[in-house]
N, C-alpha and C. Protein backbone atom coordinates (compact mmCIF):
# COMPACT_ATOMS: atom_id res chain seq x y z
N MET A 1 -17.47 0.31 16.64
CA MET A 1 -17.09 1.37 15.73
C MET A 1 -16.41 0.76 14.51
N PRO A 2 -16.83 1.13 13.31
CA PRO A 2 -16.25 0.53 12.10
C PRO A 2 -14.79 0.96 11.90
N PHE A 3 -14.06 0.10 11.23
CA PHE A 3 -12.66 0.36 10.90
C PHE A 3 -12.60 1.50 9.89
N SER A 4 -11.69 2.45 10.09
CA SER A 4 -11.63 3.63 9.21
C SER A 4 -10.23 3.79 8.62
N GLU A 5 -10.11 4.78 7.73
CA GLU A 5 -8.82 5.12 7.14
C GLU A 5 -7.82 5.50 8.22
N ASP A 6 -8.27 6.24 9.22
CA ASP A 6 -7.38 6.64 10.32
C ASP A 6 -6.83 5.42 11.05
N ASP A 7 -7.68 4.41 11.26
CA ASP A 7 -7.24 3.18 11.91
C ASP A 7 -6.15 2.50 11.06
N ALA A 8 -6.37 2.44 9.76
CA ALA A 8 -5.41 1.80 8.86
C ALA A 8 -4.07 2.54 8.89
N VAL A 9 -4.11 3.87 8.86
CA VAL A 9 -2.89 4.66 8.89
C VAL A 9 -2.17 4.47 10.23
N GLU A 10 -2.91 4.43 11.31
CA GLU A 10 -2.30 4.26 12.63
C GLU A 10 -1.57 2.92 12.73
N ILE A 11 -2.20 1.86 12.26
CA ILE A 11 -1.58 0.53 12.30
C ILE A 11 -0.37 0.49 11.37
N ALA A 12 -0.51 1.03 10.17
CA ALA A 12 0.60 1.02 9.21
C ALA A 12 1.77 1.84 9.72
N SER A 13 1.50 3.02 10.26
CA SER A 13 2.59 3.90 10.70
C SER A 13 3.36 3.32 11.88
N ALA A 14 2.75 2.39 12.61
CA ALA A 14 3.44 1.75 13.73
C ALA A 14 4.38 0.64 13.27
N SER A 15 4.26 0.22 12.01
CA SER A 15 5.10 -0.87 11.52
C SER A 15 6.52 -0.39 11.27
N LYS A 16 7.47 -1.27 11.50
CA LYS A 16 8.88 -0.94 11.31
C LYS A 16 9.15 -0.58 9.85
N GLU A 17 8.52 -1.29 8.92
CA GLU A 17 8.73 -1.04 7.49
C GLU A 17 8.32 0.38 7.11
N ALA A 18 7.17 0.84 7.62
CA ALA A 18 6.70 2.19 7.32
C ALA A 18 7.63 3.23 7.93
N GLN A 19 8.08 2.99 9.15
CA GLN A 19 8.99 3.94 9.80
C GLN A 19 10.32 4.03 9.05
N ASP A 20 10.85 2.88 8.63
CA ASP A 20 12.10 2.87 7.86
C ASP A 20 11.92 3.57 6.51
N PHE A 21 10.78 3.32 5.85
CA PHE A 21 10.52 3.95 4.55
C PHE A 21 10.43 5.47 4.71
N GLU A 22 9.76 5.92 5.76
CA GLU A 22 9.62 7.37 5.99
C GLU A 22 10.97 8.03 6.30
N LYS A 23 11.83 7.32 7.00
CA LYS A 23 13.17 7.85 7.27
C LYS A 23 13.95 8.00 5.97
N LYS A 24 13.82 7.00 5.11
CA LYS A 24 14.51 7.01 3.82
C LYS A 24 13.91 8.04 2.86
N HIS A 25 12.58 8.20 2.91
CA HIS A 25 11.86 9.10 2.00
C HIS A 25 10.93 10.00 2.83
N PRO A 26 11.46 11.04 3.48
CA PRO A 26 10.61 11.88 4.34
C PRO A 26 9.50 12.63 3.61
N GLU A 27 9.61 12.79 2.30
CA GLU A 27 8.59 13.50 1.52
C GLU A 27 7.61 12.55 0.85
N CYS A 28 7.55 11.31 1.30
CA CYS A 28 6.67 10.33 0.65
C CYS A 28 5.20 10.71 0.83
N VAL A 29 4.40 10.21 -0.09
CA VAL A 29 2.96 10.46 -0.10
C VAL A 29 2.26 9.21 0.45
N TRP A 30 1.30 9.43 1.35
CA TRP A 30 0.52 8.32 1.92
C TRP A 30 -0.82 8.22 1.17
N ASN A 31 -1.16 7.01 0.76
CA ASN A 31 -2.46 6.74 0.13
C ASN A 31 -3.12 5.60 0.90
N VAL A 32 -4.40 5.74 1.16
CA VAL A 32 -5.15 4.71 1.88
C VAL A 32 -6.37 4.34 1.04
N ASP A 33 -6.60 3.03 0.92
CA ASP A 33 -7.73 2.57 0.13
C ASP A 33 -8.21 1.23 0.68
N LYS A 34 -9.46 0.95 0.47
CA LYS A 34 -10.02 -0.33 0.88
C LYS A 34 -10.14 -1.21 -0.35
N MET A 35 -9.67 -2.44 -0.23
CA MET A 35 -9.77 -3.39 -1.35
C MET A 35 -11.23 -3.74 -1.60
N LYS A 36 -11.54 -3.98 -2.84
CA LYS A 36 -12.88 -4.46 -3.19
C LYS A 36 -12.99 -5.91 -2.71
N PRO A 37 -14.21 -6.38 -2.40
CA PRO A 37 -14.37 -7.76 -1.93
C PRO A 37 -13.74 -8.79 -2.88
N LYS A 38 -13.86 -8.58 -4.18
CA LYS A 38 -13.29 -9.50 -5.16
C LYS A 38 -11.76 -9.54 -5.05
N ASP A 39 -11.13 -8.36 -4.87
CA ASP A 39 -9.68 -8.29 -4.72
C ASP A 39 -9.23 -8.91 -3.39
N THR A 40 -10.03 -8.69 -2.34
CA THR A 40 -9.73 -9.29 -1.04
C THR A 40 -9.76 -10.81 -1.15
N ASP A 41 -10.79 -11.35 -1.79
CA ASP A 41 -10.89 -12.80 -1.96
C ASP A 41 -9.69 -13.35 -2.74
N ALA A 42 -9.29 -12.65 -3.80
CA ALA A 42 -8.15 -13.09 -4.60
C ALA A 42 -6.87 -13.06 -3.76
N TRP A 43 -6.68 -12.02 -2.96
CA TRP A 43 -5.49 -11.91 -2.12
C TRP A 43 -5.46 -13.05 -1.11
N ILE A 44 -6.60 -13.33 -0.48
CA ILE A 44 -6.68 -14.40 0.53
C ILE A 44 -6.37 -15.76 -0.11
N LYS A 45 -6.84 -15.99 -1.33
CA LYS A 45 -6.56 -17.26 -2.02
C LYS A 45 -5.06 -17.40 -2.30
N LYS A 46 -4.38 -16.29 -2.61
CA LYS A 46 -2.93 -16.32 -2.88
C LYS A 46 -2.12 -16.48 -1.60
N HIS A 47 -2.70 -16.12 -0.46
CA HIS A 47 -2.01 -16.16 0.83
C HIS A 47 -2.85 -16.97 1.84
N PRO A 48 -3.02 -18.27 1.61
CA PRO A 48 -3.91 -19.06 2.46
C PRO A 48 -3.43 -19.23 3.91
N ASN A 49 -2.15 -19.03 4.16
CA ASN A 49 -1.62 -19.24 5.52
C ASN A 49 -1.67 -17.99 6.39
N VAL A 50 -2.18 -16.89 5.86
CA VAL A 50 -2.23 -15.64 6.61
C VAL A 50 -3.59 -15.51 7.29
N THR A 51 -3.59 -15.21 8.57
CA THR A 51 -4.84 -15.03 9.32
C THR A 51 -5.32 -13.60 9.13
N VAL A 52 -6.48 -13.44 8.51
CA VAL A 52 -7.01 -12.10 8.25
C VAL A 52 -8.31 -11.84 9.00
N THR A 53 -8.88 -12.88 9.60
CA THR A 53 -10.15 -12.71 10.30
C THR A 53 -10.19 -13.58 11.55
N THR A 54 -10.93 -13.12 12.52
CA THR A 54 -11.09 -13.91 13.75
C THR A 54 -12.46 -14.59 13.78
N LYS A 55 -13.26 -14.33 12.76
CA LYS A 55 -14.62 -14.88 12.70
C LYS A 55 -14.73 -15.89 11.57
N ALA A 56 -15.81 -16.63 11.59
CA ALA A 56 -16.07 -17.59 10.51
C ALA A 56 -16.61 -16.90 9.27
N THR A 57 -17.18 -15.71 9.44
CA THR A 57 -17.74 -15.01 8.29
C THR A 57 -16.62 -14.44 7.43
N PRO A 58 -16.82 -14.38 6.13
CA PRO A 58 -15.78 -13.85 5.25
C PRO A 58 -15.52 -12.36 5.50
N LEU A 59 -14.30 -11.97 5.27
CA LEU A 59 -13.88 -10.59 5.42
C LEU A 59 -14.38 -9.79 4.21
N LYS A 60 -14.90 -8.59 4.45
CA LYS A 60 -15.43 -7.79 3.35
C LYS A 60 -14.35 -7.04 2.59
N GLY A 61 -13.28 -6.65 3.25
CA GLY A 61 -12.25 -5.92 2.53
C GLY A 61 -11.02 -5.65 3.37
N LEU A 62 -9.87 -5.98 2.82
CA LEU A 62 -8.60 -5.60 3.43
C LEU A 62 -8.33 -4.14 3.09
N TRP A 63 -7.46 -3.51 3.84
CA TRP A 63 -7.09 -2.12 3.59
C TRP A 63 -5.68 -2.05 3.05
N LEU A 64 -5.46 -1.16 2.10
CA LEU A 64 -4.14 -0.90 1.54
C LEU A 64 -3.66 0.46 2.02
N VAL A 65 -2.45 0.50 2.55
CA VAL A 65 -1.81 1.76 2.88
C VAL A 65 -0.53 1.79 2.06
N GLU A 66 -0.41 2.79 1.21
CA GLU A 66 0.76 2.90 0.34
C GLU A 66 1.55 4.15 0.70
N LEU A 67 2.85 3.97 0.86
CA LEU A 67 3.76 5.09 1.04
C LEU A 67 4.54 5.16 -0.26
N GLU A 68 4.44 6.29 -0.94
CA GLU A 68 5.02 6.37 -2.27
C GLU A 68 5.99 7.54 -2.38
N GLU A 69 7.20 7.22 -2.81
CA GLU A 69 8.17 8.24 -3.18
C GLU A 69 8.07 8.30 -4.70
N LEU A 70 7.48 9.39 -5.20
CA LEU A 70 7.13 9.48 -6.62
C LEU A 70 8.31 9.15 -7.52
N ASP A 71 8.05 8.34 -8.51
CA ASP A 71 9.02 7.92 -9.53
C ASP A 71 10.19 7.13 -8.97
N GLN A 72 10.11 6.65 -7.72
CA GLN A 72 11.21 5.87 -7.18
C GLN A 72 10.74 4.51 -6.67
N GLU A 73 10.04 4.52 -5.53
CA GLU A 73 9.55 3.26 -4.99
C GLU A 73 8.30 3.47 -4.15
N LYS A 74 7.62 2.36 -3.90
CA LYS A 74 6.38 2.41 -3.15
C LYS A 74 6.38 1.25 -2.16
N LEU A 75 5.95 1.53 -0.93
CA LEU A 75 5.77 0.51 0.09
C LEU A 75 4.27 0.27 0.22
N VAL A 76 3.85 -0.98 0.07
CA VAL A 76 2.43 -1.33 0.16
C VAL A 76 2.24 -2.18 1.43
N ILE A 77 1.37 -1.70 2.31
CA ILE A 77 1.07 -2.40 3.55
C ILE A 77 -0.39 -2.81 3.50
N ILE A 78 -0.64 -4.10 3.69
CA ILE A 78 -2.01 -4.60 3.67
C ILE A 78 -2.42 -4.91 5.11
N ILE A 79 -3.58 -4.39 5.50
CA ILE A 79 -4.05 -4.49 6.87
C ILE A 79 -5.41 -5.18 6.92
N SER A 80 -5.56 -6.06 7.90
CA SER A 80 -6.84 -6.71 8.14
C SER A 80 -7.61 -5.87 9.16
N PRO A 81 -8.81 -5.40 8.79
CA PRO A 81 -9.59 -4.62 9.75
C PRO A 81 -10.14 -5.48 10.89
N ASP A 82 -10.21 -6.78 10.68
CA ASP A 82 -10.75 -7.67 11.70
C ASP A 82 -9.71 -7.96 12.79
N THR A 83 -8.50 -8.32 12.36
CA THR A 83 -7.45 -8.61 13.35
C THR A 83 -6.68 -7.36 13.73
N LYS A 84 -6.89 -6.27 12.98
CA LYS A 84 -6.21 -5.00 13.20
C LYS A 84 -4.69 -5.17 13.21
N THR A 85 -4.22 -5.95 12.23
CA THR A 85 -2.79 -6.20 12.09
C THR A 85 -2.35 -6.05 10.63
N VAL A 86 -1.05 -5.85 10.46
CA VAL A 86 -0.46 -5.85 9.13
C VAL A 86 -0.34 -7.30 8.70
N VAL A 87 -0.90 -7.63 7.54
CA VAL A 87 -0.86 -9.01 7.07
C VAL A 87 0.11 -9.21 5.91
N ASP A 88 0.54 -8.11 5.29
CA ASP A 88 1.51 -8.23 4.20
C ASP A 88 2.17 -6.88 3.97
N VAL A 89 3.44 -6.93 3.59
CA VAL A 89 4.20 -5.73 3.26
C VAL A 89 5.03 -6.05 2.03
N LYS A 90 5.01 -5.15 1.06
CA LYS A 90 5.87 -5.35 -0.12
C LYS A 90 6.34 -4.00 -0.63
N THR A 91 7.50 -4.01 -1.26
CA THR A 91 8.06 -2.81 -1.85
C THR A 91 8.08 -2.98 -3.36
N GLU A 92 7.70 -1.93 -4.06
CA GLU A 92 7.70 -1.96 -5.52
C GLU A 92 8.54 -0.81 -6.03
N LYS A 93 9.36 -1.08 -7.03
CA LYS A 93 10.12 -0.02 -7.69
C LYS A 93 9.19 0.66 -8.69
N LEU A 94 9.28 1.97 -8.77
CA LEU A 94 8.45 2.72 -9.70
C LEU A 94 9.30 3.30 -10.81
N GLU A 95 8.72 3.44 -11.97
CA GLU A 95 9.40 4.05 -13.10
C GLU A 95 8.91 5.48 -13.25
N ALA A 96 9.75 6.32 -13.82
CA ALA A 96 9.33 7.70 -14.09
C ALA A 96 8.11 7.65 -15.00
N GLU A 97 7.20 8.57 -14.79
CA GLU A 97 5.98 8.59 -15.59
C GLU A 97 6.30 8.84 -17.05
N ALA A 98 5.58 8.19 -17.93
CA ALA A 98 5.83 8.28 -19.37
C ALA A 98 5.74 9.71 -19.86
N GLU A 99 4.83 10.50 -19.34
CA GLU A 99 4.65 11.88 -19.78
C GLU A 99 5.91 12.69 -19.52
N GLU A 100 6.53 12.51 -18.36
CA GLU A 100 7.75 13.23 -18.04
C GLU A 100 8.89 12.79 -18.95
N GLU A 101 8.96 11.49 -19.24
CA GLU A 101 10.00 10.97 -20.12
C GLU A 101 9.86 11.58 -21.51
N GLU A 102 8.63 11.70 -22.00
CA GLU A 102 8.40 12.28 -23.33
C GLU A 102 8.83 13.74 -23.36
N GLU A 103 8.55 14.48 -22.28
CA GLU A 103 8.97 15.88 -22.21
C GLU A 103 10.49 15.99 -22.23
N GLU A 104 11.16 15.13 -21.49
CA GLU A 104 12.62 15.15 -21.46
C GLU A 104 13.19 14.83 -22.83
N GLU A 105 12.61 13.85 -23.52
CA GLU A 105 13.08 13.49 -24.86
C GLU A 105 12.87 14.67 -25.82
N ALA A 106 11.75 15.36 -25.72
CA ALA A 106 11.47 16.50 -26.59
C ALA A 106 12.48 17.61 -26.34
N GLU A 107 12.83 17.84 -25.08
CA GLU A 107 13.80 18.86 -24.74
C GLU A 107 15.18 18.51 -25.30
N GLU A 108 15.54 17.23 -25.22
CA GLU A 108 16.83 16.81 -25.73
C GLU A 108 16.91 16.97 -27.24
N GLU A 109 15.81 16.67 -27.95
CA GLU A 109 15.78 16.80 -29.40
C GLU A 109 15.84 18.27 -29.82
N GLY A 110 15.30 19.15 -29.02
CA GLY A 110 15.29 20.57 -29.34
C GLY A 110 16.61 21.26 -29.09
N GLU A 111 17.52 20.63 -28.38
CA GLU A 111 18.82 21.27 -28.08
C GLU A 111 19.76 21.26 -29.22
């Protein structure tokens, strides 16, 4: 059976990082996406010591599971569909969207 979005979410949600992020941000949004082969190759080249496959054949695509608290921070979990494990986790700070900032500035100028 091929690896699916549900499989990626199940593996990600079992990770301590995802559980901690959800406790901190219970209203976070989950996004799941499969990396393009070119992006997977680039990621593997940047992380040569990480085991992402159990076969000699190249991996077609890693999966990204993102937990995002809008305008605050995002947790990115990268999963190997071959080993069915989390191979990387990183947190990114997010900035408020430019459109919202422009609206706030316009409101301040109008006061």
